[in-house]
PDB file of all heavy atoms in Angstrom:
ATOM      1  N   HIS A   1       0.845  -1.201   0.000  1.00  0.00           N
ATOM      2  CA  HIS A   1      -0.002   0.005  -0.008  1.00  0.00           C
ATOM      3  C   HIS A   1       0.889   1.241   0.003  1.00  0.00           C
ATOM      4  O   HIS A   1       1.694   1.430   0.907  1.00  0.00           O
ATOM      5  CB  HIS A   1      -0.927  -0.013   1.225  1.00  0.00           C
ATOM      6  CG  HIS A   1      -1.914  -1.142   1.200  1.00  0.00           C
ATOM      7  ND1 HIS A   1      -3.252  -0.936   0.957  1.00  0.00           N
ATOM      8  CD2 HIS A   1      -1.767  -2.481   1.331  1.00  0.00           C
ATOM      9  CE1 HIS A   1      -3.870  -2.116   0.980  1.00  0.00           C
ATOM     10  NE2 HIS A   1      -2.987  -3.077   1.202  1.00  0.00           N
ATOM     11  N   VAL A   2       0.735   2.064  -1.026  1.00  0.00           N
ATOM     12  CA  VAL A   2       1.655   3.174  -1.300  1.00  0.00           C
ATOM     13  C   VAL A   2       0.954   4.496  -0.992  1.00  0.00           C
ATOM     14  O   VAL A   2      -0.084   4.822  -1.571  1.00  0.00           O
ATOM     15  CB  VAL A   2       2.113   3.137  -2.780  1.00  0.00           C
ATOM     16  CG1 VAL A   2       3.165   4.223  -3.020  1.00  0.00           C
ATOM     17  CG2 VAL A   2       2.640   1.756  -3.154  1.00  0.00           C
ATOM     18  N   VAL A   3       1.569   5.251  -0.071  1.00  0.00           N
ATOM     19  CA  VAL A   3       0.929   6.502   0.395  1.00  0.00           C
ATOM     20  C   VAL A   3       2.030   7.491   0.803  1.00  0.00           C
ATOM     21  O   VAL A   3       3.120   7.083   1.190  1.00  0.00           O
ATOM     22  CB  VAL A   3       0.001   6.184   1.585  1.00  0.00           C
ATOM     23  CG1 VAL A   3       0.744   5.645   2.789  1.00  0.00           C
ATOM     24  CG2 VAL A   3      -0.857   7.399   1.968  1.00  0.00           C
ATOM     25  N   GLN A   4       1.745   8.749   0.658  1.00  0.00           N
ATOM     26  CA  GLN A   4       2.690   9.775   1.110  1.00  0.00           C
ATOM     27  C   GLN A   4       2.759   9.781   2.642  1.00  0.00           C
ATOM     28  O   GLN A   4       1.744   9.634   3.323  1.00  0.00           O
ATOM     29  CB  GLN A   4       2.270  11.150   0.591  1.00  0.00           C
ATOM     30  CG  GLN A   4       2.447  11.354  -0.899  1.00  0.00           C
ATOM     31  CD  GLN A   4       3.896  11.548  -1.306  1.00  0.00           C
ATOM     32  OE1 GLN A   4       4.714  12.083  -0.550  1.00  0.00           O
ATOM     33  NE2 GLN A   4       4.205  11.145  -2.549  1.00  0.00           N
ATOM     34  N   ARG A   5       3.974   9.952   3.157  1.00  0.00           N
ATOM     35  CA  ARG A   5       4.181   9.945   4.619  1.00  0.00           C
ATOM     36  C   ARG A   5       3.359  11.021   5.304  1.00  0.00           C
ATOM     37  O   ARG A   5       2.727  10.761   6.355  1.00  0.00           O
ATOM     38  CB  ARG A   5       5.659  10.156   4.901  1.00  0.00           C
ATOM     39  CG  ARG A   5       5.982  10.394   6.373  1.00  0.00           C
ATOM     40  CD  ARG A   5       7.473  10.423   6.609  1.00  0.00           C
ATOM     41  NE  ARG A   5       7.990   9.058   6.549  1.00  0.00           N
ATOM     42  CZ  ARG A   5       8.922   8.589   7.374  1.00  0.00           C
ATOM     43  NH1 ARG A   5       9.450   9.354   8.317  1.00  0.00           N
ATOM     44  NH2 ARG A   5       9.345   7.341   7.277  1.00  0.00           N
ATOM     45  N   ASP A   6       3.295  12.200   4.731  1.00  0.00           N
ATOM     46  CA  ASP A   6       2.499  13.273   5.358  1.00  0.00           C
ATOM     47  C   ASP A   6       1.022  12.880   5.457  1.00  0.00           C
ATOM     48  O   ASP A   6       0.343  13.241   6.445  1.00  0.00           O
ATOM     49  CB  ASP A   6       2.573  14.555   4.511  1.00  0.00           C
ATOM     50  CG  ASP A   6       3.927  15.215   4.607  1.00  0.00           C
ATOM     51  OD1 ASP A   6       4.747  14.861   5.467  1.00  0.00           O
ATOM     52  OD2 ASP A   6       4.170  16.143   3.772  1.00  0.00           O
ATOM     53  N   GLU A   7       0.544  12.119   4.491  1.00  0.00           N
ATOM     54  CA  GLU A   7      -0.868  11.766   4.485  1.00  0.00           C
ATOM     55  C   GLU A   7      -1.228  10.727   5.510  1.00  0.00           C
ATOM     56  O   GLU A   7      -2.222  10.826   6.227  1.00  0.00           O
ATOM     57  CB  GLU A   7      -1.272  11.281   3.084  1.00  0.00           C
ATOM     58  CG  GLU A   7      -2.759  10.966   2.916  1.00  0.00           C
ATOM     59  CD  GLU A   7      -3.654  12.186   3.054  1.00  0.00           C
ATOM     60  OE1 GLU A   7      -3.145  13.350   3.106  1.00  0.00           O
ATOM     61  OE2 GLU A   7      -4.879  12.020   3.091  1.00  0.00           O
ATOM     62  N   ILE A   8      -0.412   9.667   5.617  1.00  0.00           N
ATOM     63  CA  ILE A   8      -0.761   8.603   6.543  1.00  0.00           C
ATOM     64  C   ILE A   8      -0.698   9.098   7.977  1.00  0.00           C
ATOM     65  O   ILE A   8      -1.530   8.750   8.834  1.00  0.00           O
ATOM     66  CB  ILE A   8       0.119   7.355   6.321  1.00  0.00           C
ATOM     67  CG1 ILE A   8      -0.497   6.140   7.033  1.00  0.00           C
ATOM     68  CG2 ILE A   8       1.553   7.590   6.747  1.00  0.00           C
ATOM     69  CD1 ILE A   8       0.163   4.813   6.663  1.00  0.00           C
ATOM     70  N   ARG A   9       0.223   9.980   8.279  1.00  0.00           N
ATOM     71  CA  ARG A   9       0.306  10.507   9.641  1.00  0.00           C
ATOM     72  C   ARG A   9      -0.868  11.441   9.954  1.00  0.00           C
ATOM     73  O   ARG A   9      -1.467  11.379  10.991  1.00  0.00           O
ATOM     74  CB  ARG A   9       1.639  11.215   9.833  1.00  0.00           C
ATOM     75  CG  ARG A   9       2.759  10.220  10.125  1.00  0.00           C
ATOM     76  CD  ARG A   9       4.136  10.785   9.757  1.00  0.00           C
ATOM     77  NE  ARG A   9       5.162   9.864  10.251  1.00  0.00           N
ATOM     78  CZ  ARG A   9       5.425   8.655   9.731  1.00  0.00           C
ATOM     79  NH1 ARG A   9       4.686   8.189   8.721  1.00  0.00           N
ATOM     80  NH2 ARG A   9       6.373   7.888  10.226  1.00  0.00           N
ATOM     81  N   TYR A  10      -1.220  12.290   8.987  1.00  0.00           N
ATOM     82  CA  TYR A  10      -2.312  13.218   9.207  1.00  0.00           C
ATOM     83  C   TYR A  10      -3.643  12.476   9.309  1.00  0.00           C
ATOM     84  O   TYR A  10      -4.496  12.823  10.132  1.00  0.00           O
ATOM     85  CB  TYR A  10      -2.351  14.239   8.073  1.00  0.00           C
ATOM     86  CG  TYR A  10      -3.405  15.327   8.264  1.00  0.00           C
ATOM     87  CD1 TYR A  10      -3.167  16.398   9.082  1.00  0.00           C
ATOM     88  CD2 TYR A  10      -4.621  15.250   7.609  1.00  0.00           C
ATOM     89  CE1 TYR A  10      -4.115  17.399   9.243  1.00  0.00           C
ATOM     90  CE2 TYR A  10      -5.589  16.226   7.762  1.00  0.00           C
ATOM     91  CZ  TYR A  10      -5.323  17.305   8.592  1.00  0.00           C
ATOM     92  OH  TYR A  10      -6.280  18.283   8.759  1.00  0.00           O
ATOM     93  N   ALA A  11      -3.819  11.454   8.482  1.00  0.00           N
ATOM     94  CA  ALA A  11      -5.087  10.724   8.438  1.00  0.00           C
ATOM     95  C   ALA A  11      -5.415  10.079   9.773  1.00  0.00           C
ATOM     96  O   ALA A  11      -6.604   9.969  10.156  1.00  0.00           O
ATOM     97  CB  ALA A  11      -5.052   9.659   7.361  1.00  0.00           C
ATOM     98  N   LEU A  12      -4.398   9.626  10.483  1.00  0.00           N
ATOM     99  CA  LEU A  12      -4.634   8.951  11.761  1.00  0.00           C
ATOM    100  C   LEU A  12      -4.868   9.914  12.909  1.00  0.00           C
ATOM    101  O   LEU A  12      -5.358   9.502  13.979  1.00  0.00           O
ATOM    102  CB  LEU A  12      -3.431   8.031  12.086  1.00  0.00           C
ATOM    103  CG  LEU A  12      -3.275   6.859  11.091  1.00  0.00           C
ATOM    104  CD1 LEU A  12      -1.995   6.118  11.386  1.00  0.00           C
ATOM    105  CD2 LEU A  12      -4.470   5.925  11.111  1.00  0.00           C
ATOM    106  N   TRP A  13      -4.586  11.180  12.714  1.00  0.00           N
ATOM    107  CA  TRP A  13      -4.929  12.216  13.720  1.00  0.00           C
ATOM    108  C   TRP A  13      -5.171  13.544  13.021  1.00  0.00           C
ATOM    109  O   TRP A  13      -4.389  14.484  13.126  1.00  0.00           O
ATOM    110  CB  TRP A  13      -3.829  12.355  14.784  1.00  0.00           C
ATOM    111  CG  TRP A  13      -4.330  13.063  15.998  1.00  0.00           C
ATOM    112  CD1 TRP A  13      -4.189  14.391  16.307  1.00  0.00           C
ATOM    113  CD2 TRP A  13      -5.074  12.493  17.089  1.00  0.00           C
ATOM    114  NE1 TRP A  13      -4.819  14.694  17.491  1.00  0.00           N
ATOM    115  CE2 TRP A  13      -5.360  13.546  18.001  1.00  0.00           C
ATOM    116  CE3 TRP A  13      -5.542  11.214  17.350  1.00  0.00           C
ATOM    117  CZ2 TRP A  13      -6.080  13.331  19.171  1.00  0.00           C
ATOM    118  CZ3 TRP A  13      -6.269  11.018  18.540  1.00  0.00           C
ATOM    119  CH2 TRP A  13      -6.528  12.069  19.426  1.00  0.00           C
ATOM    120  N   PRO A  14      -6.296  13.635  12.286  1.00  0.00           N
ATOM    121  CA  PRO A  14      -6.553  14.854  11.516  1.00  0.00           C
ATOM    122  C   PRO A  14      -7.015  16.024  12.396  1.00  0.00           C
ATOM    123  O   PRO A  14      -7.404  15.802  13.565  1.00  0.00           O
ATOM    124  CB  PRO A  14      -7.677  14.413  10.556  1.00  0.00           C
ATOM    125  CG  PRO A  14      -8.392  13.313  11.302  1.00  0.00           C
ATOM    126  CD  PRO A  14      -7.338  12.609  12.104  1.00  0.00           C
ATOM    127  N   ASP A  15      -6.966  17.190  11.844  1.00  0.00           N
ATOM    128  CA  ASP A  15      -7.541  18.352  12.511  1.00  0.00           C
ATOM    129  C   ASP A  15      -9.026  18.132  12.692  1.00  0.00           C
ATOM    130  O   ASP A  15      -9.667  17.408  11.946  1.00  0.00           O
ATOM    131  CB  ASP A  15      -7.333  19.611  11.682  1.00  0.00           C
ATOM    132  CG  ASP A  15      -5.857  20.014  11.599  1.00  0.00           C
ATOM    133  OD1 ASP A  15      -5.170  19.946  12.633  1.00  0.00           O
ATOM    134  OD2 ASP A  15      -5.386  20.358  10.499  1.00  0.00           O
ATOM    135  N   ALA A  16      -9.589  18.796  13.686  1.00  0.00           N
ATOM    136  CA  ALA A  16     -11.007  18.585  14.019  1.00  0.00           C
ATOM    137  C   ALA A  16     -11.924  18.859  12.827  1.00  0.00           C
ATOM    138  O   ALA A  16     -12.888  18.140  12.593  1.00  0.00           O
ATOM    139  CB  ALA A  16     -11.408  19.456  15.203  1.00  0.00           C
ATOM    140  N   TRP A  17     -11.615  19.870  12.037  1.00  0.00           N
ATOM    141  CA  TRP A  17     -12.539  20.271  10.973  1.00  0.00           C
ATOM    142  C   TRP A  17     -12.436  19.334   9.753  1.00  0.00           C
ATOM    143  O   TRP A  17     -13.355  19.270   8.964  1.00  0.00           O
ATOM    144  CB  TRP A  17     -12.302  21.716  10.578  1.00  0.00           C
ATOM    145  CG  TRP A  17     -11.020  21.998   9.876  1.00  0.00           C
ATOM    146  CD1 TRP A  17      -9.807  22.198  10.459  1.00  0.00           C
ATOM    147  CD2 TRP A  17     -10.807  22.122   8.481  1.00  0.00           C
ATOM    148  NE1 TRP A  17      -8.844  22.422   9.500  1.00  0.00           N
ATOM    149  CE2 TRP A  17      -9.433  22.399   8.283  1.00  0.00           C
ATOM    150  CE3 TRP A  17     -11.639  22.050   7.362  1.00  0.00           C
ATOM    151  CZ2 TRP A  17      -8.872  22.581   7.017  1.00  0.00           C
ATOM    152  CZ3 TRP A  17     -11.087  22.210   6.105  1.00  0.00           C
ATOM    153  CH2 TRP A  17      -9.711  22.475   5.942  1.00  0.00           C
ATOM    154  N   THR A  18     -11.319  18.612   9.593  1.00  0.00           N
ATOM    155  CA  THR A  18     -11.208  17.630   8.497  1.00  0.00           C
ATOM    156  C   THR A  18     -11.516  16.202   8.974  1.00  0.00           C
ATOM    157  O   THR A  18     -11.575  15.300   8.144  1.00  0.00           O
ATOM    158  CB  THR A  18      -9.804  17.645   7.868  1.00  0.00           C
ATOM    159  OG1 THR A  18      -8.847  17.323   8.885  1.00  0.00           O
ATOM    160  CG2 THR A  18      -9.485  18.992   7.263  1.00  0.00           C
ATOM    161  N   ARG A  19     -11.743  16.026  10.256  1.00  0.00           N
ATOM    162  CA  ARG A  19     -11.941  14.684  10.812  1.00  0.00           C
ATOM    163  C   ARG A  19     -13.072  13.914  10.142  1.00  0.00           C
ATOM    164  O   ARG A  19     -12.958  12.699   9.918  1.00  0.00           O
ATOM    165  CB  ARG A  19     -12.175  14.788  12.328  1.00  0.00           C
ATOM    166  CG  ARG A  19     -12.067  13.464  13.060  1.00  0.00           C
ATOM    167  CD  ARG A  19     -12.055  13.718  14.568  1.00  0.00           C
ATOM    168  NE  ARG A  19     -10.878  14.485  14.958  1.00  0.00           N
ATOM    169  CZ  ARG A  19     -10.794  15.252  16.050  1.00  0.00           C
ATOM    170  NH1 ARG A  19     -11.847  15.342  16.846  1.00  0.00           N
ATOM    171  NH2 ARG A  19      -9.689  15.937  16.323  1.00  0.00           N
ATOM    172  N   PRO A  20     -14.198  14.544   9.774  1.00  0.00           N
ATOM    173  CA  PRO A  20     -15.293  13.757   9.168  1.00  0.00           C
ATOM    174  C   PRO A  20     -14.904  13.035   7.895  1.00  0.00           C
ATOM    175  O   PRO A  20     -15.497  11.994   7.549  1.00  0.00           O
ATOM    176  CB  PRO A  20     -16.393  14.783   8.930  1.00  0.00           C
ATOM    177  CG  PRO A  20     -16.107  15.878   9.918  1.00  0.00           C
ATOM    178  CD  PRO A  20     -14.632  15.940  10.032  1.00  0.00           C
ATOM    179  N   VAL A  21     -13.962  13.565   7.113  1.00  0.00           N
ATOM    180  CA  VAL A  21     -13.648  12.948   5.821  1.00  0.00           C
ATOM    181  C   VAL A  21     -12.528  11.915   5.919  1.00  0.00           C
ATOM    182  O   VAL A  21     -12.182  11.276   4.902  1.00  0.00           O
ATOM    183  CB  VAL A  21     -13.320  13.996   4.742  1.00  0.00           C
ATOM    184  CG1 VAL A  21     -14.553  14.830   4.432  1.00  0.00           C
ATOM    185  CG2 VAL A  21     -12.160  14.901   5.167  1.00  0.00           C
ATOM    186  N   TYR A  22     -11.986  11.701   7.097  1.00  0.00           N
ATOM    187  CA  TYR A  22     -11.067  10.602   7.350  1.00  0.00           C
ATOM    188  C   TYR A  22     -11.786   9.579   8.244  1.00  0.00           C
ATOM    189  O   TYR A  22     -11.929   9.789   9.440  1.00  0.00           O
ATOM    190  CB  TYR A  22      -9.784  11.080   8.045  1.00  0.00           C
ATOM    191  CG  TYR A  22      -8.839  11.851   7.160  1.00  0.00           C
ATOM    192  CD1 TYR A  22      -8.783  13.231   7.202  1.00  0.00           C
ATOM    193  CD2 TYR A  22      -8.009  11.168   6.266  1.00  0.00           C
ATOM    194  CE1 TYR A  22      -7.902  13.932   6.396  1.00  0.00           C
ATOM    195  CE2 TYR A  22      -7.147  11.864   5.436  1.00  0.00           C
ATOM    196  CZ  TYR A  22      -7.093  13.236   5.502  1.00  0.00           C
ATOM    197  OH  TYR A  22      -6.227  13.931   4.704  1.00  0.00           O
ATOM    198  N   CYS A  23     -12.260   8.513   7.627  1.00  0.00           N
ATOM    199  CA  CYS A  23     -13.027   7.502   8.393  1.00  0.00           C
ATOM    200  C   CYS A  23     -12.038   6.544   9.050  1.00  0.00           C
ATOM    201  O   CYS A  23     -11.378   5.724   8.376  1.00  0.00           O
ATOM    202  CB  CYS A  23     -13.959   6.749   7.447  1.00  0.00           C
ATOM    203  SG  CYS A  23     -14.848   5.412   8.264  1.00  0.00           S
ATOM    204  N   GLN A  24     -11.971   6.609  10.368  1.00  0.00           N
ATOM    205  CA  GLN A  24     -11.000   5.762  11.092  1.00  0.00           C
ATOM    206  C   GLN A  24     -11.312   4.266  10.947  1.00  0.00           C
ATOM    207  O   GLN A  24     -10.431   3.440  11.036  1.00  0.00           O
ATOM    208  CB  GLN A  24     -10.940   6.181  12.557  1.00  0.00           C
ATOM    209  CG  GLN A  24     -10.459   7.595  12.788  1.00  0.00           C
ATOM    210  CD  GLN A  24      -9.101   7.871  12.139  1.00  0.00           C
ATOM    211  OE1 GLN A  24      -8.135   7.152  12.382  1.00  0.00           O
ATOM    212  NE2 GLN A  24      -9.024   8.923  11.312  1.00  0.00           N
ATOM    213  N   ASN A  25     -12.569   3.955  10.666  1.00  0.00           N
ATOM    214  CA  ASN A  25     -12.917   2.543  10.426  1.00  0.00           C
ATOM    215  C   ASN A  25     -12.236   2.001   9.169  1.00  0.00           C
ATOM    216  O   ASN A  25     -11.963   0.791   9.088  1.00  0.00           O
ATOM    217  CB  ASN A  25     -14.426   2.372  10.305  1.00  0.00           C
ATOM    218  CG  ASN A  25     -15.135   2.573  11.629  1.00  0.00           C
ATOM    219  OD1 ASN A  25     -14.668   2.077  12.667  1.00  0.00           O
ATOM    220  ND2 ASN A  25     -16.240   3.286  11.641  1.00  0.00           N
ATOM    221  N   ASP A  26     -11.968   2.847   8.195  1.00  0.00           N
ATOM    222  CA  ASP A  26     -11.229   2.408   7.012  1.00  0.00           C
ATOM    223  C   ASP A  26      -9.835   1.929   7.331  1.00  0.00           C
ATOM    224  O   ASP A  26      -9.251   1.141   6.579  1.00  0.00           O
ATOM    225  CB  ASP A  26     -11.127   3.542   5.989  1.00  0.00           C
ATOM    226  CG  ASP A  26     -12.449   3.859   5.285  1.00  0.00           C
ATOM    227  OD1 ASP A  26     -13.368   3.018   5.309  1.00  0.00           O
ATOM    228  OD2 ASP A  26     -12.551   4.979   4.739  1.00  0.00           O
ATOM    229  N   PHE A  27      -9.277   2.434   8.455  1.00  0.00           N
ATOM    230  CA  PHE A  27      -7.895   2.155   8.780  1.00  0.00           C
ATOM    231  C   PHE A  27      -7.733   1.061   9.821  1.00  0.00           C
ATOM    232  O   PHE A  27      -6.650   0.889  10.419  1.00  0.00           O
ATOM    233  CB  PHE A  27      -7.222   3.442   9.308  1.00  0.00           C
ATOM    234  CG  PHE A  27      -7.449   4.658   8.477  1.00  0.00           C
ATOM    235  CD1 PHE A  27      -7.670   5.908   9.068  1.00  0.00           C
ATOM    236  CD2 PHE A  27      -7.447   4.586   7.094  1.00  0.00           C
ATOM    237  CE1 PHE A  27      -7.874   7.033   8.298  1.00  0.00           C
ATOM    238  CE2 PHE A  27      -7.670   5.697   6.305  1.00  0.00           C
ATOM    239  CZ  PHE A  27      -7.891   6.930   6.915  1.00  0.00           C
ATOM    240  N   GLN A  28      -8.759   0.237  10.035  1.00  0.00           N
ATOM    241  CA  GLN A  28      -8.731  -0.739  11.102  1.00  0.00           C
ATOM    242  C   GLN A  28      -7.573  -1.750  10.925  1.00  0.00           C
ATOM    243  O   GLN A  28      -7.080  -2.316  11.925  1.00  0.00           O
ATOM    244  CB  GLN A  28     -10.063  -1.473  11.177  1.00  0.00           C
ATOM    245  CG  GLN A  28     -10.460  -2.201   9.913  1.00  0.00           C
ATOM    246  CD  GLN A  28     -11.894  -2.727   9.961  1.00  0.00           C
ATOM    247  OE1 GLN A  28     -12.254  -3.374  10.937  1.00  0.00           O
ATOM    248  NE2 GLN A  28     -12.690  -2.433   8.972  1.00  0.00           N
ATOM    249  N   ASP A  29      -7.152  -1.997   9.689  1.00  0.00           N
ATOM    250  CA  ASP A  29      -6.084  -2.977   9.428  1.00  0.00           C
ATOM    251  C   ASP A  29      -4.782  -2.346   9.012  1.00  0.00           C
ATOM    252  O   ASP A  29      -3.834  -3.049   8.635  1.00  0.00           O
ATOM    253  CB  ASP A  29      -6.525  -3.942   8.333  1.00  0.00           C
ATOM    254  CG  ASP A  29      -7.771  -4.757   8.749  1.00  0.00           C
ATOM    255  OD1 ASP A  29      -7.780  -5.222   9.906  1.00  0.00           O
ATOM    256  OD2 ASP A  29      -8.677  -4.917   7.933  1.00  0.00           O
ATOM    257  N   ILE A  30      -4.667  -1.018   9.111  1.00  0.00           N
ATOM    258  CA  ILE A  30      -3.547  -0.317   8.503  1.00  0.00           C
ATOM    259  C   ILE A  30      -2.182  -0.722   9.074  1.00  0.00           C
ATOM    260  O   ILE A  30      -1.186  -0.780   8.373  1.00  0.00           O
ATOM    261  CB  ILE A  30      -3.755   1.217   8.604  1.00  0.00           C
ATOM    262  CG1 ILE A  30      -2.886   1.931   7.555  1.00  0.00           C
ATOM    263  CG2 ILE A  30      -3.520   1.742   9.997  1.00  0.00           C
ATOM    264  CD1 ILE A  30      -3.275   3.402   7.375  1.00  0.00           C
ATOM    265  N   ARG A  31      -2.182  -1.085  10.352  1.00  0.00           N
ATOM    266  CA  ARG A  31      -0.895  -1.439  10.986  1.00  0.00           C
ATOM    267  C   ARG A  31      -0.469  -2.870  10.696  1.00  0.00           C
ATOM    268  O   ARG A  31       0.642  -3.273  11.057  1.00  0.00           O
ATOM    269  CB  ARG A  31      -0.954  -1.171  12.469  1.00  0.00           C
ATOM    270  CG  ARG A  31      -0.948   0.330  12.800  1.00  0.00           C
ATOM    271  CD  ARG A  31      -1.044   0.619  14.267  1.00  0.00           C
ATOM    272  NE  ARG A  31      -0.852   2.042  14.518  1.00  0.00           N
ATOM    273  CZ  ARG A  31      -1.795   2.983  14.411  1.00  0.00           C
ATOM    274  NH1 ARG A  31      -3.020   2.623  14.037  1.00  0.00           N
ATOM    275  NH2 ARG A  31      -1.530   4.254  14.661  1.00  0.00           N
ATOM    276  N   THR A  32      -1.300  -3.630  10.041  1.00  0.00           N
ATOM    277  CA  THR A  32      -0.941  -4.995   9.645  1.00  0.00           C
ATOM    278  C   THR A  32      -0.571  -5.068   8.167  1.00  0.00           C
ATOM    279  O   THR A  32      -0.142  -6.129   7.685  1.00  0.00           O
ATOM    280  CB  THR A  32      -2.095  -5.990   9.924  1.00  0.00           C
ATOM    281  OG1 THR A  32      -3.197  -5.730   9.039  1.00  0.00           O
ATOM    282  CG2 THR A  32      -2.562  -5.868  11.357  1.00  0.00           C
ATOM    283  N   LEU A  33      -0.732  -3.975   7.425  1.00  0.00           N
ATOM    284  CA  LEU A  33      -0.469  -3.964   5.984  1.00  0.00           C
ATOM    285  C   LEU A  33       0.979  -3.614   5.703  1.00  0.00           C
ATOM    286  O   LEU A  33       1.689  -3.002   6.528  1.00  0.00           O
ATOM    287  CB  LEU A  33      -1.385  -2.965   5.293  1.00  0.00           C
ATOM    288  CG  LEU A  33      -2.893  -3.220   5.439  1.00  0.00           C
ATOM    289  CD1 LEU A  33      -3.665  -2.064   4.803  1.00  0.00           C
ATOM    290  CD2 LEU A  33      -3.282  -4.522   4.791  1.00  0.00           C
TER     291      LEU A  33
END
């Protein structure tokens, strides 16, 4: 799975106003990939 470093870090702890568009349920397996 290929992603920019800035993106994966931000996605796991986004700013409050962008939080709705990062669904943490999508990332349930991210640490095993």
